[in-house]
Amino acid sequence: MARTVFVLNGPNLNALGIREPGIYGGATLGDIEKDCNDLAGSLGFKVDFRQSNHEGVLVDWLQEAGEKAAGVAINPGAYGHTSIALHDAIRSIDIPVVELHLSNVHAREAFRHTSMISPVAAGVIIGFGPGSYTLALRALAQILEN
């Protein structure tokens, strides 16, 4: 039976494909989910792909992942820069979490340069557009293999 990896998506990611395509590209969240599912099987994963605009829901899902999943890839969106609650939720679970972002946050506004998630993540993938997701899944596979 394949291990399950949660792929969690924060606020506004449901608007991918129409929201600032010059920054985030033209792929929709559905396109990215398909890419993740296409890759997951070859990595020995089943992907549980979710999106919420609500911080508390993301906290609930991280806690659920701690009980049910082998790892988490999370694009926290703007909550990555502000959420101590997500930071604490990640600290409370004993599975690897990889933070990812579509854009290179360090090439953007200064307030995006700080992440509340990075200090508690196993690793961070930034700036590869939709490919950030598949890179995060590959990173989780490597972490879990070791």
C-alpha atoms as a PDB file:
ATOM      1  CA  MET A   1       0.000   0.000   0.000  1.00  0.00           C
ATOM      2  CA  ALA A   2       1.348   3.408  -0.976  1.00  0.00           C
ATOM      3  CA  ARG A   3       2.169   5.924   1.721  1.00  0.00           C
ATOM      4  CA  THR A   4       0.016   9.024   1.810  1.00  0.00           C
ATOM      5  CA  VAL A   5       1.521  12.477   1.507  1.00  0.00           C
ATOM      6  CA  PHE A   6      -0.614  15.521   2.176  1.00  0.00           C
ATOM      7  CA  VAL A   7      -0.168  18.434  -0.229  1.00  0.00           C
ATOM      8  CA  LEU A   8      -1.651  21.448   1.520  1.00  0.00           C
ATOM      9  CA  ASN A   9      -2.372  24.799  -0.075  1.00  0.00           C
ATOM     10  CA  GLY A  10      -3.094  28.063   1.677  1.00  0.00           C
ATOM     11  CA  PRO A  11      -5.033  31.205   0.862  1.00  0.00           C
ATOM     12  CA  ASN A  12      -5.693  32.415  -2.665  1.00  0.00           C
ATOM     13  CA  LEU A  13      -4.105  29.380  -4.297  1.00  0.00           C
ATOM     14  CA  ASN A  14      -7.576  28.388  -5.507  1.00  0.00           C
ATOM     15  CA  ALA A  15      -7.275  31.437  -7.807  1.00  0.00           C
ATOM     16  CA  LEU A  16      -4.162  30.193  -9.623  1.00  0.00           C
ATOM     17  CA  GLY A  17      -4.407  30.611 -13.362  1.00  0.00           C
ATOM     18  CA  ILE A  18      -6.277  33.909 -13.046  1.00  0.00           C
ATOM     19  CA  ARG A  19      -4.493  35.636 -10.142  1.00  0.00           C
ATOM     20  CA  GLU A  20      -1.377  37.556 -11.183  1.00  0.00           C
ATOM     21  CA  PRO A  21      -0.249  35.156 -13.918  1.00  0.00           C
ATOM     22  CA  GLY A  22       2.913  37.238 -14.398  1.00  0.00           C
ATOM     23  CA  ILE A  23       3.995  36.106 -10.930  1.00  0.00           C
ATOM     24  CA  TYR A  24       2.287  32.731 -10.493  1.00  0.00           C
ATOM     25  CA  GLY A  25       1.957  31.497 -14.075  1.00  0.00           C
ATOM     26  CA  GLY A  26      -1.056  30.192 -15.926  1.00  0.00           C
ATOM     27  CA  ALA A  27      -1.411  26.764 -14.331  1.00  0.00           C
ATOM     28  CA  THR A  28      -4.466  26.199 -12.181  1.00  0.00           C
ATOM     29  CA  LEU A  29      -4.422  24.404  -8.849  1.00  0.00           C
ATOM     30  CA  GLY A  30      -6.176  21.540 -10.645  1.00  0.00           C
ATOM     31  CA  ASP A  31      -3.300  21.351 -13.136  1.00  0.00           C
ATOM     32  CA  ILE A  32      -0.823  21.200 -10.267  1.00  0.00           C
ATOM     33  CA  GLU A  33      -2.849  18.524  -8.489  1.00  0.00           C
ATOM     34  CA  LYS A  34      -2.767  16.419 -11.670  1.00  0.00           C
ATOM     35  CA  ASP A  35       1.022  16.836 -11.910  1.00  0.00           C
ATOM     36  CA  CYS A  36       1.388  15.729  -8.290  1.00  0.00           C
ATOM     37  CA  ASN A  37      -0.846  12.701  -8.771  1.00  0.00           C
ATOM     38  CA  ASP A  38       0.991  11.746 -11.976  1.00  0.00           C
ATOM     39  CA  LEU A  39       4.329  11.757 -10.137  1.00  0.00           C
ATOM     40  CA  ALA A  40       3.197  10.340  -6.809  1.00  0.00           C
ATOM     41  CA  GLY A  41       2.750   6.736  -7.894  1.00  0.00           C
ATOM     42  CA  SER A  42       6.307   6.490  -9.203  1.00  0.00           C
ATOM     43  CA  LEU A  43       7.521   7.761  -5.815  1.00  0.00           C
ATOM     44  CA  GLY A  44       5.415   5.236  -3.913  1.00  0.00           C
ATOM     45  CA  PHE A  45       2.966   7.882  -2.679  1.00  0.00           C
ATOM     46  CA  LYS A  46      -0.729   8.506  -2.692  1.00  0.00           C
ATOM     47  CA  VAL A  47      -1.384  12.264  -2.641  1.00  0.00           C
ATOM     48  CA  ASP A  48      -4.106  13.851  -0.533  1.00  0.00           C
ATOM     49  CA  PHE A  49      -4.332  17.317  -2.143  1.00  0.00           C
ATOM     50  CA  ARG A  50      -6.218  20.081  -0.312  1.00  0.00           C
ATOM     51  CA  GLN A  51      -6.665  23.873  -0.330  1.00  0.00           C
ATOM     52  CA  SER A  52      -8.161  26.271   2.192  1.00  0.00           C
ATOM     53  CA  ASN A  53      -8.273  30.013   2.657  1.00  0.00           C
ATOM     54  CA  HIS A  54      -8.628  29.486   6.414  1.00  0.00           C
ATOM     55  CA  GLU A  55      -5.658  29.238   8.754  1.00  0.00           C
ATOM     56  CA  GLY A  56      -7.412  27.041  11.326  1.00  0.00           C
ATOM     57  CA  VAL A  57      -8.386  24.508   8.672  1.00  0.00           C
ATOM     58  CA  LEU A  58      -4.730  24.239   7.630  1.00  0.00           C
ATOM     59  CA  VAL A  59      -3.782  23.682  11.291  1.00  0.00           C
ATOM     60  CA  ASP A  60      -6.411  20.920  11.521  1.00  0.00           C
ATOM     61  CA  TRP A  61      -5.052  19.285   8.370  1.00  0.00           C
ATOM     62  CA  LEU A  62      -1.471  19.402   9.649  1.00  0.00           C
ATOM     63  CA  GLN A  63      -2.585  17.700  12.852  1.00  0.00           C
ATOM     64  CA  GLU A  64      -4.483  15.112  10.801  1.00  0.00           C
ATOM     65  CA  ALA A  65      -1.393  14.542   8.666  1.00  0.00           C
ATOM     66  CA  GLY A  66       0.592  13.864  11.823  1.00  0.00           C
ATOM     67  CA  GLU A  67      -1.692  10.896  12.454  1.00  0.00           C
ATOM     68  CA  LYS A  68      -2.312   9.665   8.894  1.00  0.00           C
ATOM     69  CA  ALA A  69       0.464  10.756   6.529  1.00  0.00           C
ATOM     70  CA  ALA A  70       4.119   9.983   5.883  1.00  0.00           C
ATOM     71  CA  GLY A  71       4.872  13.639   5.114  1.00  0.00           C
ATOM     72  CA  VAL A  72       3.509  17.005   4.040  1.00  0.00           C
ATOM     73  CA  ALA A  73       4.290  19.398   1.221  1.00  0.00           C
ATOM     74  CA  ILE A  74       2.787  22.766   2.076  1.00  0.00           C
ATOM     75  CA  ASN A  75       2.398  25.957   0.103  1.00  0.00           C
ATOM     76  CA  PRO A  76       1.213  28.151   2.960  1.00  0.00           C
ATOM     77  CA  GLY A  77       0.732  31.172   0.708  1.00  0.00           C
ATOM     78  CA  ALA A  78       0.718  34.414   2.673  1.00  0.00           C
ATOM     79  CA  TYR A  79       0.297  32.501   5.948  1.00  0.00           C
ATOM     80  CA  GLY A  80       3.904  31.400   5.561  1.00  0.00           C
ATOM     81  CA  HIS A  81       4.975  34.920   6.454  1.00  0.00           C
ATOM     82  CA  THR A  82       2.585  35.447   9.349  1.00  0.00           C
ATOM     83  CA  SER A  83       1.332  32.262  10.944  1.00  0.00           C
ATOM     84  CA  ILE A  84       2.752  31.210  14.277  1.00  0.00           C
ATOM     85  CA  ALA A  85      -0.190  28.777  14.425  1.00  0.00           C
ATOM     86  CA  LEU A  86       1.085  26.902  11.347  1.00  0.00           C
ATOM     87  CA  HIS A  87       4.618  26.998  12.764  1.00  0.00           C
ATOM     88  CA  ASP A  88       3.403  25.459  16.030  1.00  0.00           C
ATOM     89  CA  ALA A  89       1.277  22.843  14.235  1.00  0.00           C
ATOM     90  CA  ILE A  90       4.285  21.703  12.212  1.00  0.00           C
ATOM     91  CA  ARG A  91       6.402  21.523  15.373  1.00  0.00           C
ATOM     92  CA  SER A  92       3.750  19.324  16.971  1.00  0.00           C
ATOM     93  CA  ILE A  93       3.833  16.578  14.324  1.00  0.00           C
ATOM     94  CA  ASP A  94       6.538  13.979  13.856  1.00  0.00           C
ATOM     95  CA  ILE A  95       6.654  13.746  10.063  1.00  0.00           C
ATOM     96  CA  PRO A  96       8.715  15.699   7.532  1.00  0.00           C
ATOM     97  CA  VAL A  97       7.212  18.886   6.139  1.00  0.00           C
ATOM     98  CA  VAL A  98       8.542  20.598   3.026  1.00  0.00           C
ATOM     99  CA  GLU A  99       7.581  24.240   2.519  1.00  0.00           C
ATOM    100  CA  LEU A 100       7.142  25.381  -1.060  1.00  0.00           C
ATOM    101  CA  HIS A 101       6.318  28.547  -2.950  1.00  0.00           C
ATOM    102  CA  LEU A 102       5.632  29.090  -6.638  1.00  0.00           C
ATOM    103  CA  SER A 103       7.444  32.419  -6.838  1.00  0.00           C
ATOM    104  CA  ASN A 104      10.857  33.394  -5.535  1.00  0.00           C
ATOM    105  CA  VAL A 105       9.668  35.185  -2.420  1.00  0.00           C
ATOM    106  CA  HIS A 106      13.150  36.662  -1.892  1.00  0.00           C
ATOM    107  CA  ALA A 107      12.861  38.561  -5.181  1.00  0.00           C
ATOM    108  CA  ARG A 108       9.591  40.141  -4.071  1.00  0.00           C
ATOM    109  CA  GLU A 109       8.440  42.535  -1.343  1.00  0.00           C
ATOM    110  CA  ALA A 110      10.513  42.601   1.849  1.00  0.00           C
ATOM    111  CA  PHE A 111       7.633  41.320   3.990  1.00  0.00           C
ATOM    112  CA  ARG A 112       7.766  38.060   2.007  1.00  0.00           C
ATOM    113  CA  HIS A 113      11.424  37.459   2.896  1.00  0.00           C
ATOM    114  CA  THR A 114      10.614  36.068   6.342  1.00  0.00           C
ATOM    115  CA  SER A 115       8.949  32.678   6.757  1.00  0.00           C
ATOM    116  CA  MET A 116       7.380  31.373   9.940  1.00  0.00           C
ATOM    117  CA  ILE A 117       7.401  27.902   8.361  1.00  0.00           C
ATOM    118  CA  SER A 118      11.020  27.557   7.208  1.00  0.00           C
ATOM    119  CA  PRO A 119      12.533  27.163  10.705  1.00  0.00           C
ATOM    120  CA  VAL A 120      10.404  24.066  11.355  1.00  0.00           C
ATOM    121  CA  ALA A 121      10.395  22.612   7.821  1.00  0.00           C
ATOM    122  CA  ALA A 122      12.664  19.812   6.679  1.00  0.00           C
ATOM    123  CA  GLY A 123      13.409  21.936   3.615  1.00  0.00           C
ATOM    124  CA  VAL A 124      12.169  24.773   1.438  1.00  0.00           C
ATOM    125  CA  ILE A 125      11.581  24.918  -2.320  1.00  0.00           C
ATOM    126  CA  ILE A 126      11.034  28.382  -3.761  1.00  0.00           C
ATOM    127  CA  GLY A 127      10.619  29.910  -7.179  1.00  0.00           C
ATOM    128  CA  PHE A 128      10.112  27.035  -9.616  1.00  0.00           C
ATOM    129  CA  GLY A 129       6.491  27.756 -10.462  1.00  0.00           C
ATOM    130  CA  PRO A 130       4.279  24.672 -10.565  1.00  0.00           C
ATOM    131  CA  GLY A 131       7.470  22.582 -10.596  1.00  0.00           C
ATOM    132  CA  SER A 132       7.950  23.557  -6.950  1.00  0.00           C
ATOM    133  CA  TYR A 133       5.274  21.003  -6.090  1.00  0.00           C
ATOM    134  CA  THR A 134       6.885  18.061  -7.867  1.00  0.00           C
ATOM    135  CA  LEU A 135      10.272  19.071  -6.480  1.00  0.00           C
ATOM    136  CA  ALA A 136       8.727  19.052  -2.991  1.00  0.00           C
ATOM    137  CA  LEU A 137       7.351  15.539  -3.560  1.00  0.00           C
ATOM    138  CA  ARG A 138      10.768  14.354  -4.757  1.00  0.00           C
ATOM    139  CA  ALA A 139      12.359  15.928  -1.680  1.00  0.00           C
ATOM    140  CA  LEU A 140       9.892  14.147   0.593  1.00  0.00           C
ATOM    141  CA  ALA A 141      10.630  10.860  -1.167  1.00  0.00           C
ATOM    142  CA  GLN A 142      14.348  11.385  -0.533  1.00  0.00           C
ATOM    143  CA  ILE A 143      13.795  12.315   3.116  1.00  0.00           C
ATOM    144  CA  LEU A 144      11.569   9.293   3.712  1.00  0.00           C
ATOM    145  CA  GLU A 145      13.996   6.988   1.925  1.00  0.00           C
ATOM    146  CA  ASN A 146      16.779   8.020   4.302  1.00  0.00           C
END
